[in-house]
PDB file of N, CA and C in Angstrom:
ATOM      1  N   MET A   1      -5.818 -10.761 -65.071  1.00  0.00           N
ATOM      2  CA  MET A   1      -5.340  -9.707 -64.267  1.00  0.00           C
ATOM      3  C   MET A   1      -3.955  -9.286 -64.852  1.00  0.00           C
ATOM      4  N   THR A   2      -3.731  -8.046 -65.003  1.00  0.00           N
ATOM      5  CA  THR A   2      -2.451  -7.544 -65.571  1.00  0.00           C
ATOM      6  C   THR A   2      -1.445  -7.412 -64.451  1.00  0.00           C
ATOM      7  N   PHE A   3      -0.227  -7.100 -64.872  1.00  0.00           N
ATOM      8  CA  PHE A   3       0.841  -6.954 -63.872  1.00  0.00           C
ATOM      9  C   PHE A   3       0.554  -5.775 -62.967  1.00  0.00           C
ATOM     10  N   PHE A   4       0.115  -4.685 -63.477  1.00  0.00           N
ATOM     11  CA  PHE A   4      -0.217  -3.513 -62.665  1.00  0.00           C
ATOM     12  C   PHE A   4      -1.303  -3.671 -61.780  1.00  0.00           C
ATOM     13  N   GLU A   5      -2.350  -4.416 -62.152  1.00  0.00           N
ATOM     14  CA  GLU A   5      -3.417  -4.719 -61.248  1.00  0.00           C
ATOM     15  C   GLU A   5      -2.972  -5.560 -60.085  1.00  0.00           C
ATOM     16  N   SER A   6      -2.160  -6.541 -60.374  1.00  0.00           N
ATOM     17  CA  SER A   6      -1.720  -7.433 -59.331  1.00  0.00           C
ATOM     18  C   SER A   6      -0.742  -6.625 -58.416  1.00  0.00           C
ATOM     19  N   LEU A   7      -0.027  -5.741 -58.925  1.00  0.00           N
ATOM     20  CA  LEU A   7       0.860  -4.860 -58.129  1.00  0.00           C
ATOM     21  C   LEU A   7       0.064  -3.981 -57.176  1.00  0.00           C
ATOM     22  N   ILE A   8      -1.074  -3.435 -57.685  1.00  0.00           N
ATOM     23  CA  ILE A   8      -1.940  -2.612 -56.810  1.00  0.00           C
ATOM     24  C   ILE A   8      -2.581  -3.486 -55.728  1.00  0.00           C
ATOM     25  N   VAL A   9      -3.103  -4.689 -56.120  1.00  0.00           N
ATOM     26  CA  VAL A   9      -3.664  -5.576 -55.174  1.00  0.00           C
ATOM     27  C   VAL A   9      -2.669  -5.986 -54.049  1.00  0.00           C
ATOM     28  N   GLY A  10      -1.432  -6.248 -54.425  1.00  0.00           N
ATOM     29  CA  GLY A  10      -0.379  -6.572 -53.526  1.00  0.00           C
ATOM     30  C   GLY A  10      -0.008  -5.435 -52.579  1.00  0.00           C
ATOM     31  N   LEU A  11       0.065  -4.203 -53.073  1.00  0.00           N
ATOM     32  CA  LEU A  11       0.335  -3.042 -52.269  1.00  0.00           C
ATOM     33  C   LEU A  11      -0.883  -2.687 -51.247  1.00  0.00           C
ATOM     34  N   ILE A  12      -2.070  -2.942 -51.753  1.00  0.00           N
ATOM     35  CA  ILE A  12      -3.256  -2.863 -50.851  1.00  0.00           C
ATOM     36  C   ILE A  12      -3.177  -3.881 -49.732  1.00  0.00           C
ATOM     37  N   CYS A  13      -2.896  -5.141 -50.067  1.00  0.00           N
ATOM     38  CA  CYS A  13      -2.812  -6.159 -49.057  1.00  0.00           C
ATOM     39  C   CYS A  13      -1.695  -5.793 -48.004  1.00  0.00           C
ATOM     40  N   MET A  14      -0.513  -5.377 -48.457  1.00  0.00           N
ATOM     41  CA  MET A  14       0.574  -5.060 -47.621  1.00  0.00           C
ATOM     42  C   MET A  14       0.230  -3.842 -46.665  1.00  0.00           C
ATOM     43  N   THR A  15      -0.581  -2.878 -47.236  1.00  0.00           N
ATOM     44  CA  THR A  15      -0.991  -1.707 -46.424  1.00  0.00           C
ATOM     45  C   THR A  15      -1.986  -2.220 -45.375  1.00  0.00           C
ATOM     46  N   VAL A  16      -2.921  -3.101 -45.703  1.00  0.00           N
ATOM     47  CA  VAL A  16      -3.855  -3.630 -44.687  1.00  0.00           C
ATOM     48  C   VAL A  16      -3.075  -4.399 -43.601  1.00  0.00           C
ATOM     49  N   VAL A  17      -2.112  -5.224 -44.026  1.00  0.00           N
ATOM     50  CA  VAL A  17      -1.300  -5.932 -42.986  1.00  0.00           C
ATOM     51  C   VAL A  17      -0.584  -4.980 -42.062  1.00  0.00           C
ATOM     52  N   PHE A  18       0.044  -3.990 -42.591  1.00  0.00           N
ATOM     53  CA  PHE A  18       0.784  -3.018 -41.779  1.00  0.00           C
ATOM     54  C   PHE A  18      -0.164  -2.220 -40.823  1.00  0.00           C
ATOM     55  N   LEU A  19      -1.400  -1.843 -41.373  1.00  0.00           N
ATOM     56  CA  LEU A  19      -2.389  -1.162 -40.535  1.00  0.00           C
ATOM     57  C   LEU A  19      -2.845  -2.057 -39.358  1.00  0.00           C
ATOM     58  N   VAL A  20      -3.049  -3.323 -39.657  1.00  0.00           N
ATOM     59  CA  VAL A  20      -3.480  -4.278 -38.622  1.00  0.00           C
ATOM     60  C   VAL A  20      -2.314  -4.415 -37.564  1.00  0.00           C
ATOM     61  N   LEU A  21      -1.119  -4.464 -38.061  1.00  0.00           N
ATOM     62  CA  LEU A  21       0.009  -4.577 -37.133  1.00  0.00           C
ATOM     63  C   LEU A  21       0.090  -3.316 -36.283  1.00  0.00           C
ATOM     64  N   ALA A  22      -0.126  -2.082 -36.790  1.00  0.00           N
ATOM     65  CA  ALA A  22      -0.101  -0.833 -36.039  1.00  0.00           C
ATOM     66  C   ALA A  22      -1.191  -0.821 -35.000  1.00  0.00           C
ATOM     67  N   VAL A  23      -2.360  -1.316 -35.380  1.00  0.00           N
ATOM     68  CA  VAL A  23      -3.462  -1.327 -34.404  1.00  0.00           C
ATOM     69  C   VAL A  23      -3.168  -2.301 -33.270  1.00  0.00           C
ATOM     70  N   LEU A  24      -2.638  -3.530 -33.567  1.00  0.00           N
ATOM     71  CA  LEU A  24      -2.218  -4.420 -32.501  1.00  0.00           C
ATOM     72  C   LEU A  24      -1.162  -3.841 -31.685  1.00  0.00           C
ATOM     73  N   PHE A  25      -0.211  -3.130 -32.196  1.00  0.00           N
ATOM     74  CA  PHE A  25       0.865  -2.466 -31.403  1.00  0.00           C
ATOM     75  C   PHE A  25       0.273  -1.490 -30.468  1.00  0.00           C
ATOM     76  N   ALA A  26      -0.680  -0.651 -30.946  1.00  0.00           N
ATOM     77  CA  ALA A  26      -1.328   0.315 -30.090  1.00  0.00           C
ATOM     78  C   ALA A  26      -2.172  -0.405 -29.048  1.00  0.00           C
ATOM     79  N   LEU A  27      -2.906  -1.415 -29.299  1.00  0.00           N
ATOM     80  CA  LEU A  27      -3.628  -2.087 -28.306  1.00  0.00           C
ATOM     81  C   LEU A  27      -2.745  -2.742 -27.154  1.00  0.00           C
ATOM     82  N   ILE A  28      -1.612  -3.234 -27.575  1.00  0.00           N
ATOM     83  CA  ILE A  28      -0.650  -3.790 -26.641  1.00  0.00           C
ATOM     84  C   ILE A  28      -0.108  -2.666 -25.728  1.00  0.00           C
ATOM     85  N   LEU A  29       0.260  -1.544 -26.238  1.00  0.00           N
ATOM     86  CA  LEU A  29       0.754  -0.476 -25.422  1.00  0.00           C
ATOM     87  C   LEU A  29      -0.299  -0.025 -24.482  1.00  0.00           C
ATOM     88  N   ILE A  30      -1.514   0.149 -24.905  1.00  0.00           N
ATOM     89  CA  ILE A  30      -2.589   0.618 -24.022  1.00  0.00           C
ATOM     90  C   ILE A  30      -2.885  -0.386 -22.924  1.00  0.00           C
ATOM     91  N   LEU A  31      -2.927  -1.636 -23.271  1.00  0.00           N
ATOM     92  CA  LEU A  31      -3.166  -2.740 -22.312  1.00  0.00           C
ATOM     93  C   LEU A  31      -2.104  -2.815 -21.243  1.00  0.00           C
ATOM     94  N   SER A  32      -0.768  -2.655 -21.724  1.00  0.00           N
ATOM     95  CA  SER A  32       0.322  -2.733 -20.781  1.00  0.00           C
ATOM     96  C   SER A  32       0.337  -1.592 -19.785  1.00  0.00           C
ATOM     97  N   ARG A  33      -0.035  -0.356 -20.244  1.00  0.00           N
ATOM     98  CA  ARG A  33      -0.161   0.716 -19.350  1.00  0.00           C
ATOM     99  C   ARG A  33      -1.260   0.627 -18.380  1.00  0.00           C
ATOM    100  N   VAL A  34      -2.362   0.138 -18.827  1.00  0.00           N
ATOM    101  CA  VAL A  34      -3.556  -0.038 -17.897  1.00  0.00           C
ATOM    102  C   VAL A  34      -3.152  -1.083 -16.871  1.00  0.00           C
ATOM    103  N   LEU A  35      -2.654  -2.151 -17.258  1.00  0.00           N
ATOM    104  CA  LEU A  35      -2.260  -3.274 -16.293  1.00  0.00           C
ATOM    105  C   LEU A  35      -1.114  -2.806 -15.351  1.00  0.00           C
ATOM    106  N   ALA A  36      -0.212  -1.941 -15.800  1.00  0.00           N
ATOM    107  CA  ALA A  36       0.907  -1.434 -15.029  1.00  0.00           C
ATOM    108  C   ALA A  36       0.292  -0.559 -13.884  1.00  0.00           C
ATOM    109  N   SER A  37      -0.624   0.351 -14.263  1.00  0.00           N
ATOM    110  CA  SER A  37      -1.198   1.247 -13.299  1.00  0.00           C
ATOM    111  C   SER A  37      -2.056   0.494 -12.311  1.00  0.00           C
ATOM    112  N   ALA A  38      -2.806  -0.501 -12.723  1.00  0.00           N
ATOM    113  CA  ALA A  38      -3.608  -1.386 -11.834  1.00  0.00           C
ATOM    114  C   ALA A  38      -2.631  -2.164 -10.865  1.00  0.00           C
ATOM    115  N   PHE A  39      -1.514  -2.616 -11.374  1.00  0.00           N
ATOM    116  CA  PHE A  39      -0.571  -3.387 -10.546  1.00  0.00           C
ATOM    117  C   PHE A  39       0.036  -2.430  -9.459  1.00  0.00           C
ATOM    118  N   ARG A  40       0.325  -1.250  -9.855  1.00  0.00           N
ATOM    119  CA  ARG A  40       0.882  -0.183  -8.956  1.00  0.00           C
ATOM    120  C   ARG A  40      -0.065   0.066  -7.819  1.00  0.00           C
ATOM    121  N   LYS A  41      -1.392   0.236  -8.159  1.00  0.00           N
ATOM    122  CA  LYS A  41      -2.387   0.501  -7.149  1.00  0.00           C
ATOM    123  C   LYS A  41      -2.465  -0.650  -6.192  1.00  0.00           C
ATOM    124  N   SER A  42      -2.509  -1.886  -6.700  1.00  0.00           N
ATOM    125  CA  SER A  42      -2.670  -3.047  -5.810  1.00  0.00           C
ATOM    126  C   SER A  42      -1.348  -3.205  -4.954  1.00  0.00           C
ATOM    127  N   LYS A  43      -0.201  -2.810  -5.550  1.00  0.00           N
ATOM    128  CA  LYS A  43       0.993  -2.992  -4.857  1.00  0.00           C
ATOM    129  C   LYS A  43       1.062  -1.994  -3.736  1.00  0.00           C
ATOM    130  N   SER A  44       0.625  -0.755  -3.949  1.00  0.00           N
ATOM    131  CA  SER A  44       0.619   0.289  -2.915  1.00  0.00           C
ATOM    132  C   SER A  44      -0.422  -0.134  -1.796  1.00  0.00           C
ATOM    133  N   ALA A  45      -1.539  -0.723  -2.147  1.00  0.00           N
ATOM    134  CA  ALA A  45      -2.494  -1.207  -1.088  1.00  0.00           C
ATOM    135  C   ALA A  45      -1.825  -2.281  -0.253  1.00  0.00           C
ATOM    136  N   GLN A  46      -1.123  -3.231  -0.990  1.00  0.00           N
ATOM    137  CA  GLN A  46      -0.459  -4.309  -0.167  1.00  0.00           C
ATOM    138  C   GLN A  46       0.592  -3.685   0.687  1.00  0.00           C
ATOM    139  N   GLU A  47       1.347  -2.690   0.226  1.00  0.00           N
ATOM    140  CA  GLU A  47       2.375  -2.067   1.090  1.00  0.00           C
ATOM    141  C   GLU A  47       1.774  -1.402   2.299  1.00  0.00           C
ATOM    142  N   GLU A  48       0.602  -0.721   2.132  1.00  0.00           N
ATOM    143  CA  GLU A  48      -0.060  -0.104   3.192  1.00  0.00           C
ATOM    144  C   GLU A  48      -0.471  -1.152   4.257  1.00  0.00           C
ATOM    145  N   GLN A  49      -1.028  -2.215   3.717  1.00  0.00           N
ATOM    146  CA  GLN A  49      -1.462  -3.305   4.712  1.00  0.00           C
ATOM    147  C   GLN A  49      -0.304  -3.878   5.394  1.00  0.00           C
ATOM    148  N   ALA A  50       0.853  -4.142   4.662  1.00  0.00           N
ATOM    149  CA  ALA A  50       2.030  -4.603   5.390  1.00  0.00           C
ATOM    150  C   ALA A  50       2.561  -3.630   6.417  1.00  0.00           C
ATOM    151  N   ALA A  51       2.511  -2.320   6.117  1.00  0.00           N
ATOM    152  CA  ALA A  51       2.951  -1.317   7.100  1.00  0.00           C
ATOM    153  C   ALA A  51       1.962  -1.326   8.315  1.00  0.00           C
ATOM    154  N   VAL A  52       0.765  -1.490   8.165  1.00  0.00           N
ATOM    155  CA  VAL A  52      -0.207  -1.525   9.330  1.00  0.00           C
ATOM    156  C   VAL A  52       0.144  -2.854  10.109  1.00  0.00           C
ATOM    157  N   GLN A  53       0.337  -3.974   9.485  1.00  0.00           N
ATOM    158  CA  GLN A  53       0.737  -5.185  10.243  1.00  0.00           C
ATOM    159  C   GLN A  53       2.088  -4.985  10.894  1.00  0.00           C
ATOM    160  N   ASN A  54       2.951  -4.385  10.263  1.00  0.00           N
ATOM    161  CA  ASN A  54       4.375  -4.187  10.875  1.00  0.00           C
ATOM    162  C   ASN A  54       4.158  -3.311  12.071  1.00  0.00           C
ATOM    163  N   ASN A  55       3.417  -2.255  12.018  1.00  0.00           N
ATOM    164  CA  ASN A  55       3.110  -1.408  13.174  1.00  0.00           C
ATOM    165  C   ASN A  55       2.498  -2.147  14.395  1.00  0.00           C
ATOM    166  N   ALA A  56       1.586  -3.015  13.980  1.00  0.00           N
ATOM    167  CA  ALA A  56       0.895  -3.779  15.043  1.00  0.00           C
ATOM    168  C   ALA A  56       1.870  -4.744  15.740  1.00  0.00           C
ATOM    169  N   VAL A  57       2.784  -5.293  14.849  1.00  0.00           N
ATOM    170  CA  VAL A  57       3.768  -6.224  15.481  1.00  0.00           C
ATOM    171  C   VAL A  57       4.751  -5.445  16.380  1.00  0.00           C
ATOM    172  N   GLN A  58       5.188  -4.217  15.917  1.00  0.00           N
ATOM    173  CA  GLN A  58       5.999  -3.336  16.735  1.00  0.00           C
ATOM    174  C   GLN A  58       5.341  -3.003  18.045  1.00  0.00           C
ATOM    175  N   VAL A  59       4.043  -2.708  17.992  1.00  0.00           N
ATOM    176  CA  VAL A  59       3.324  -2.343  19.231  1.00  0.00           C
ATOM    177  C   VAL A  59       3.293  -3.518  20.149  1.00  0.00           C
ATOM    178  N   THR A  60       3.034  -4.710  19.653  1.00  0.00           N
ATOM    179  CA  THR A  60       2.947  -5.913  20.398  1.00  0.00           C
ATOM    180  C   THR A  60       4.328  -6.195  21.040  1.00  0.00           C
ATOM    181  N   GLN A  61       5.375  -6.003  20.297  1.00  0.00           N
ATOM    182  CA  GLN A  61       6.699  -6.102  20.870  1.00  0.00           C
ATOM    183  C   GLN A  61       7.014  -5.133  21.974  1.00  0.00           C
ATOM    184  N   SER A  62       6.613  -3.869  21.681  1.00  0.00           N
ATOM    185  CA  SER A  62       6.753  -2.857  22.707  1.00  0.00           C
ATOM    186  C   SER A  62       6.011  -3.097  23.936  1.00  0.00           C
ATOM    187  N   GLN A  63       4.785  -3.704  23.791  1.00  0.00           N
ATOM    188  CA  GLN A  63       3.975  -4.097  24.979  1.00  0.00           C
ATOM    189  C   GLN A  63       4.695  -5.200  25.783  1.00  0.00           C
ATOM    190  N   ALA A  64       5.252  -6.144  24.977  1.00  0.00           N
ATOM    191  CA  ALA A  64       5.935  -7.183  25.677  1.00  0.00           C
ATOM    192  C   ALA A  64       7.160  -6.730  26.421  1.00  0.00           C
ATOM    193  N   ALA A  65       7.784  -5.694  25.791  1.00  0.00           N
ATOM    194  CA  ALA A  65       8.962  -5.025  26.491  1.00  0.00           C
ATOM    195  C   ALA A  65       8.509  -4.291  27.718  1.00  0.00           C
ATOM    196  N   ALA A  66       7.311  -3.659  27.622  1.00  0.00           N
ATOM    197  CA  ALA A  66       6.785  -2.916  28.713  1.00  0.00           C
ATOM    198  C   ALA A  66       6.452  -3.866  29.928  1.00  0.00           C
ATOM    199  N   ALA A  67       5.994  -5.037  29.597  1.00  0.00           N
ATOM    200  CA  ALA A  67       5.644  -5.936  30.637  1.00  0.00           C
ATOM    201  C   ALA A  67       6.969  -6.417  31.354  1.00  0.00           C
ATOM    202  N   ARG A  68       8.073  -6.449  30.673  1.00  0.00           N
ATOM    203  CA  ARG A  68       9.334  -6.766  31.289  1.00  0.00           C
ATOM    204  C   ARG A  68      10.029  -5.605  32.030  1.00  0.00           C
ATOM    205  N   ASP A  69       9.747  -4.366  31.608  1.00  0.00           N
ATOM    206  CA  ASP A  69      10.426  -3.155  32.162  1.00  0.00           C
ATOM    207  C   ASP A  69       9.481  -2.543  33.100  1.00  0.00           C
ATOM    208  N   PRO A  70       9.842  -2.457  34.395  1.00  0.00           N
ATOM    209  CA  PRO A  70       8.877  -1.908  35.293  1.00  0.00           C
ATOM    210  C   PRO A  70       8.545  -0.367  35.036  1.00  0.00           C
ATOM    211  N   GLN A  71       9.517   0.387  34.502  1.00  0.00           N
ATOM    212  CA  GLN A  71       9.270   1.825  34.235  1.00  0.00           C
ATOM    213  C   GLN A  71       8.204   1.936  33.168  1.00  0.00           C
ATOM    214  N   ILE A  72       8.268   1.136  32.095  1.00  0.00           N
ATOM    215  CA  ILE A  72       7.423   1.204  31.012  1.00  0.00           C
ATOM    216  C   ILE A  72       6.036   0.587  31.441  1.00  0.00           C
ATOM    217  N   ASN A  73       6.114  -0.417  32.296  1.00  0.00           N
ATOM    218  CA  ASN A  73       4.877  -1.086  32.788  1.00  0.00           C
ATOM    219  C   ASN A  73       4.031  -0.114  33.616  1.00  0.00           C
ATOM    220  N   ALA A  74       4.682   0.730  34.331  1.00  0.00           N
ATOM    221  CA  ALA A  74       3.951   1.705  35.204  1.00  0.00           C
ATOM    222  C   ALA A  74       3.254   2.668  34.310  1.00  0.00           C
ATOM    223  N   SER A  75       3.814   3.110  33.244  1.00  0.00           N
ATOM    224  CA  SER A  75       3.160   4.112  32.368  1.00  0.00           C
ATOM    225  C   SER A  75       2.022   3.418  31.606  1.00  0.00           C
ATOM    226  N   VAL A  76       2.121   2.125  31.205  1.00  0.00           N
ATOM    227  CA  VAL A  76       0.991   1.456  30.441  1.00  0.00           C
ATOM    228  C   VAL A  76      -0.044   1.160  31.455  1.00  0.00           C
ATOM    229  N   ASN A  77       0.164   0.720  32.637  1.00  0.00           N
ATOM    230  CA  ASN A  77      -0.816   0.383  33.559  1.00  0.00           C
ATOM    231  C   ASN A  77      -1.694   1.551  33.979  1.00  0.00           C
ATOM    232  N   GLY A  78      -1.232   2.801  33.990  1.00  0.00           N
ATOM    233  CA  GLY A  78      -1.886   3.919  34.222  1.00  0.00           C
ATOM    234  C   GLY A  78      -2.817   4.429  33.123  1.00  0.00           C
ATOM    235  N   LEU A  79      -2.809   3.753  32.028  1.00  0.00           N
ATOM    236  CA  LEU A  79      -3.475   4.187  30.803  1.00  0.00           C
ATOM    237  C   LEU A  79      -5.025   3.827  30.930  1.00  0.00           C
ATOM    238  N   LYS A  80      -5.825   4.784  30.682  1.00  0.00           N
ATOM    239  CA  LYS A  80      -7.255   4.647  30.666  1.00  0.00           C
ATOM    240  C   LYS A  80      -7.840   4.675  29.254  1.00  0.00           C
ATOM    241  N   LEU A  81      -8.577   3.645  28.821  1.00  0.00           N
ATOM    242  CA  LEU A  81      -9.143   3.563  27.534  1.00  0.00           C
ATOM    243  C   LEU A  81     -10.607   3.901  27.585  1.00  0.00           C
ATOM    244  N   ASN A  82     -11.059   4.927  26.877  1.00  0.00           N
ATOM    245  CA  ASN A  82     -12.478   5.349  26.873  1.00  0.00           C
ATOM    246  C   ASN A  82     -13.012   5.120  25.528  1.00  0.00           C
ATOM    247  N   GLY A  83     -13.751   4.051  25.277  1.00  0.00           N
ATOM    248  CA  GLY A  83     -14.442   3.835  23.992  1.00  0.00           C
ATOM    249  C   GLY A  83     -13.439   3.299  22.986  1.00  0.00           C
ATOM    250  N   VAL A  84     -12.181   2.862  23.356  1.00  0.00           N
ATOM    251  CA  VAL A  84     -11.247   2.379  22.385  1.00  0.00           C
ATOM    252  C   VAL A  84     -10.794   1.028  22.842  1.00  0.00           C
ATOM    253  N   ASP A  85     -10.605   0.080  21.897  1.00  0.00           N
ATOM    254  CA  ASP A  85     -10.146  -1.281  22.279  1.00  0.00           C
ATOM    255  C   ASP A  85      -8.602  -1.177  22.335  1.00  0.00           C
ATOM    256  N   GLU A  86      -7.991  -2.208  22.935  1.00  0.00           N
ATOM    257  CA  GLU A  86      -6.608  -2.229  23.146  1.00  0.00           C
ATOM    258  C   GLU A  86      -5.795  -2.254  21.795  1.00  0.00           C
ATOM    259  N   ARG A  87      -6.224  -2.862  20.815  1.00  0.00           N
ATOM    260  CA  ARG A  87      -5.522  -2.935  19.598  1.00  0.00           C
ATOM    261  C   ARG A  87      -5.445  -1.532  18.919  1.00  0.00           C
ATOM    262  N   THR A  88      -6.556  -0.813  18.988  1.00  0.00           N
ATOM    263  CA  THR A  88      -6.552   0.527  18.398  1.00  0.00           C
ATOM    264  C   THR A  88      -5.699   1.437  19.230  1.00  0.00           C
ATOM    265  N   ALA A  89      -5.726   1.362  20.498  1.00  0.00           N
ATOM    266  CA  ALA A  89      -4.908   2.180  21.410  1.00  0.00           C
ATOM    267  C   ALA A  89      -3.429   1.901  21.176  1.00  0.00           C
ATOM    268  N   ALA A  90      -3.089   0.572  20.879  1.00  0.00           N
ATOM    269  CA  ALA A  90      -1.721   0.269  20.628  1.00  0.00           C
ATOM    270  C   ALA A  90      -1.255   0.870  19.310  1.00  0.00           C
ATOM    271  N   MET A  91      -2.198   0.865  18.316  1.00  0.00           N
ATOM    272  CA  MET A  91      -1.814   1.458  17.035  1.00  0.00           C
ATOM    273  C   MET A  91      -1.655   2.969  17.226  1.00  0.00           C
ATOM    274  N   ILE A  92      -2.490   3.653  17.918  1.00  0.00           N
ATOM    275  CA  ILE A  92      -2.429   5.069  18.200  1.00  0.00           C
ATOM    276  C   ILE A  92      -1.056   5.403  18.869  1.00  0.00           C
ATOM    277  N   MET A  93      -0.690   4.584  19.894  1.00  0.00           N
ATOM    278  CA  MET A  93       0.528   4.842  20.578  1.00  0.00           C
ATOM    279  C   MET A  93       1.746   4.705  19.700  1.00  0.00           C
ATOM    280  N   ALA A  94       1.645   3.597  18.802  1.00  0.00           N
ATOM    281  CA  ALA A  94       2.726   3.417  17.807  1.00  0.00           C
ATOM    282  C   ALA A  94       2.849   4.455  16.785  1.00  0.00           C
ATOM    283  N   VAL A  95       1.792   5.081  16.323  1.00  0.00           N
ATOM    284  CA  VAL A  95       1.757   6.193  15.381  1.00  0.00           C
ATOM    285  C   VAL A  95       2.377   7.403  16.075  1.00  0.00           C
ATOM    286  N   VAL A  96       1.951   7.671  17.302  1.00  0.00           N
ATOM    287  CA  VAL A  96       2.483   8.886  17.936  1.00  0.00           C
ATOM    288  C   VAL A  96       3.991   8.695  18.154  1.00  0.00           C
ATOM    289  N   SER A  97       4.410   7.531  18.554  1.00  0.00           N
ATOM    290  CA  SER A  97       5.849   7.274  18.724  1.00  0.00           C
ATOM    291  C   SER A  97       6.580   7.425  17.441  1.00  0.00           C
ATOM    292  N   HIS A  98       6.036   6.964  16.350  1.00  0.00           N
ATOM    293  CA  HIS A  98       6.741   7.025  15.057  1.00  0.00           C
ATOM    294  C   HIS A  98       6.771   8.469  14.529  1.00  0.00           C
ATOM    295  N   GLU A  99       5.667   9.136  14.680  1.00  0.00           N
ATOM    296  CA  GLU A  99       5.581  10.534  14.114  1.00  0.00           C
ATOM    297  C   GLU A  99       6.418  11.470  14.917  1.00  0.00           C
ATOM    298  N   THR A 100       6.595  11.274  16.169  1.00  0.00           N
ATOM    299  CA  THR A 100       7.358  12.231  17.060  1.00  0.00           C
ATOM    300  C   THR A 100       8.785  11.712  17.094  1.00  0.00           C
ATOM    301  N   LYS A 101       9.030  10.547  16.573  1.00  0.00           N
ATOM    302  CA  LYS A 101      10.423   9.958  16.581  1.00  0.00           C
ATOM    303  C   LYS A 101      10.910   9.833  18.026  1.00  0.00           C
ATOM    304  N   THR A 102      10.005   9.554  18.940  1.00  0.00           N
ATOM    305  CA  THR A 102      10.325   9.399  20.303  1.00  0.00           C
ATOM    306  C   THR A 102      10.096   7.900  20.694  1.00  0.00           C
ATOM    307  N   PRO A 103      11.030   7.275  21.253  1.00  0.00           N
ATOM    308  CA  PRO A 103      10.853   5.803  21.672  1.00  0.00           C
ATOM    309  C   PRO A 103       9.668   5.683  22.534  1.00  0.00           C
ATOM    310  N   LEU A 104       8.985   4.560  22.308  1.00  0.00           N
ATOM    311  CA  LEU A 104       7.770   4.301  23.059  1.00  0.00           C
ATOM    312  C   LEU A 104       7.894   4.271  24.574  1.00  0.00           C
ATOM    313  N   ASN A 105       9.076   3.894  24.943  1.00  0.00           N
ATOM    314  CA  ASN A 105       9.300   3.823  26.464  1.00  0.00           C
ATOM    315  C   ASN A 105       9.531   5.181  27.093  1.00  0.00           C
ATOM    316  N   GLU A 106       9.681   6.266  26.302  1.00  0.00           N
ATOM    317  CA  GLU A 106       9.879   7.611  26.775  1.00  0.00           C
ATOM    318  C   GLU A 106       8.475   8.302  26.768  1.00  0.00           C
ATOM    319  N   LEU A 107       7.488   7.738  26.226  1.00  0.00           N
ATOM    320  CA  LEU A 107       6.190   8.411  26.194  1.00  0.00           C
ATOM    321  C   LEU A 107       5.304   7.836  27.273  1.00  0.00           C
ATOM    322  N   VAL A 108       4.502   8.746  27.856  1.00  0.00           N
ATOM    323  CA  VAL A 108       3.561   8.351  28.907  1.00  0.00           C
ATOM    324  C   VAL A 108       2.168   8.714  28.473  1.00  0.00           C
ATOM    325  N   PHE A 109       1.291   7.815  28.302  1.00  0.00           N
ATOM    326  CA  PHE A 109      -0.060   7.997  27.903  1.00  0.00           C
ATOM    327  C   PHE A 109      -0.957   7.959  29.032  1.00  0.00           C
ATOM    328  N   LYS A 110      -1.762   8.955  29.363  1.00  0.00           N
ATOM    329  CA  LYS A 110      -2.652   8.923  30.490  1.00  0.00           C
ATOM    330  C   LYS A 110      -3.949   8.299  30.159  1.00  0.00           C
ATOM    331  N   SER A 111      -4.460   8.718  28.961  1.00  0.00           N
ATOM    332  CA  SER A 111      -5.783   8.123  28.549  1.00  0.00           C
ATOM    333  C   SER A 111      -5.898   8.304  27.061  1.00  0.00           C
ATOM    334  N   ILE A 112      -6.674   7.443  26.391  1.00  0.00           N
ATOM    335  CA  ILE A 112      -6.989   7.530  25.002  1.00  0.00           C
ATOM    336  C   ILE A 112      -8.507   7.381  24.863  1.00  0.00           C
ATOM    337  N   SER A 113      -9.121   8.386  24.337  1.00  0.00           N
ATOM    338  CA  SER A 113     -10.558   8.460  24.216  1.00  0.00           C
ATOM    339  C   SER A 113     -10.972   8.563  22.807  1.00  0.00           C
ATOM    340  N   LEU A 114     -12.199   7.970  22.527  1.00  0.00           N
ATOM    341  CA  LEU A 114     -12.745   8.000  21.127  1.00  0.00           C
ATOM    342  C   LEU A 114     -13.400   9.358  20.979  1.00  0.00           C
ATOM    343  N   ALA A 115     -13.055  10.062  19.885  1.00  0.00           N
ATOM    344  CA  ALA A 115     -13.642  11.340  19.597  1.00  0.00           C
ATOM    345  C   ALA A 115     -14.943  11.139  18.884  1.00  0.00           C
ATOM    346  N   LYS A 116     -15.997  11.804  19.204  1.00  0.00           N
ATOM    347  CA  LYS A 116     -17.319  11.631  18.584  1.00  0.00           C
ATOM    348  C   LYS A 116     -17.602  12.777  17.659  1.00  0.00           C
TER     349      LYS A 116
END
C-alpha cells in the first residue's frame, strides 16, 4: 500500500468516526428532549394530584373550623346533598370558594345536586 492509499484509508476512517459521533450526538439530543417532555407531563400530573389533595385538606380543615364556629356550623347543617357524597360536595364548596376568592365561612350553600 502506498503512502497516498494509506492517507485515503485514514481519511475515510476518520470520516466514518466523525459521522458515527454526529449520529450519536443527534440520538442523545432527541432522547433528552423526549424524556424532558415526558418528565414535564408526569410532573404536571403530580402537581394536579397534589393540588386536589391540598384542596381536600383545606376543605377538611374548613369543615373542622365549621364544627367549632356556630355561624359556619349553621350554614353547613342546612346543606342538602342530592346524589352527591360529602367528599365531592366538600370539593365543590372549596372550588367555589377559591374561584370567587370568598372565604368559605362567608358562603352559604343550600343544596348541592348531581346534574344528569
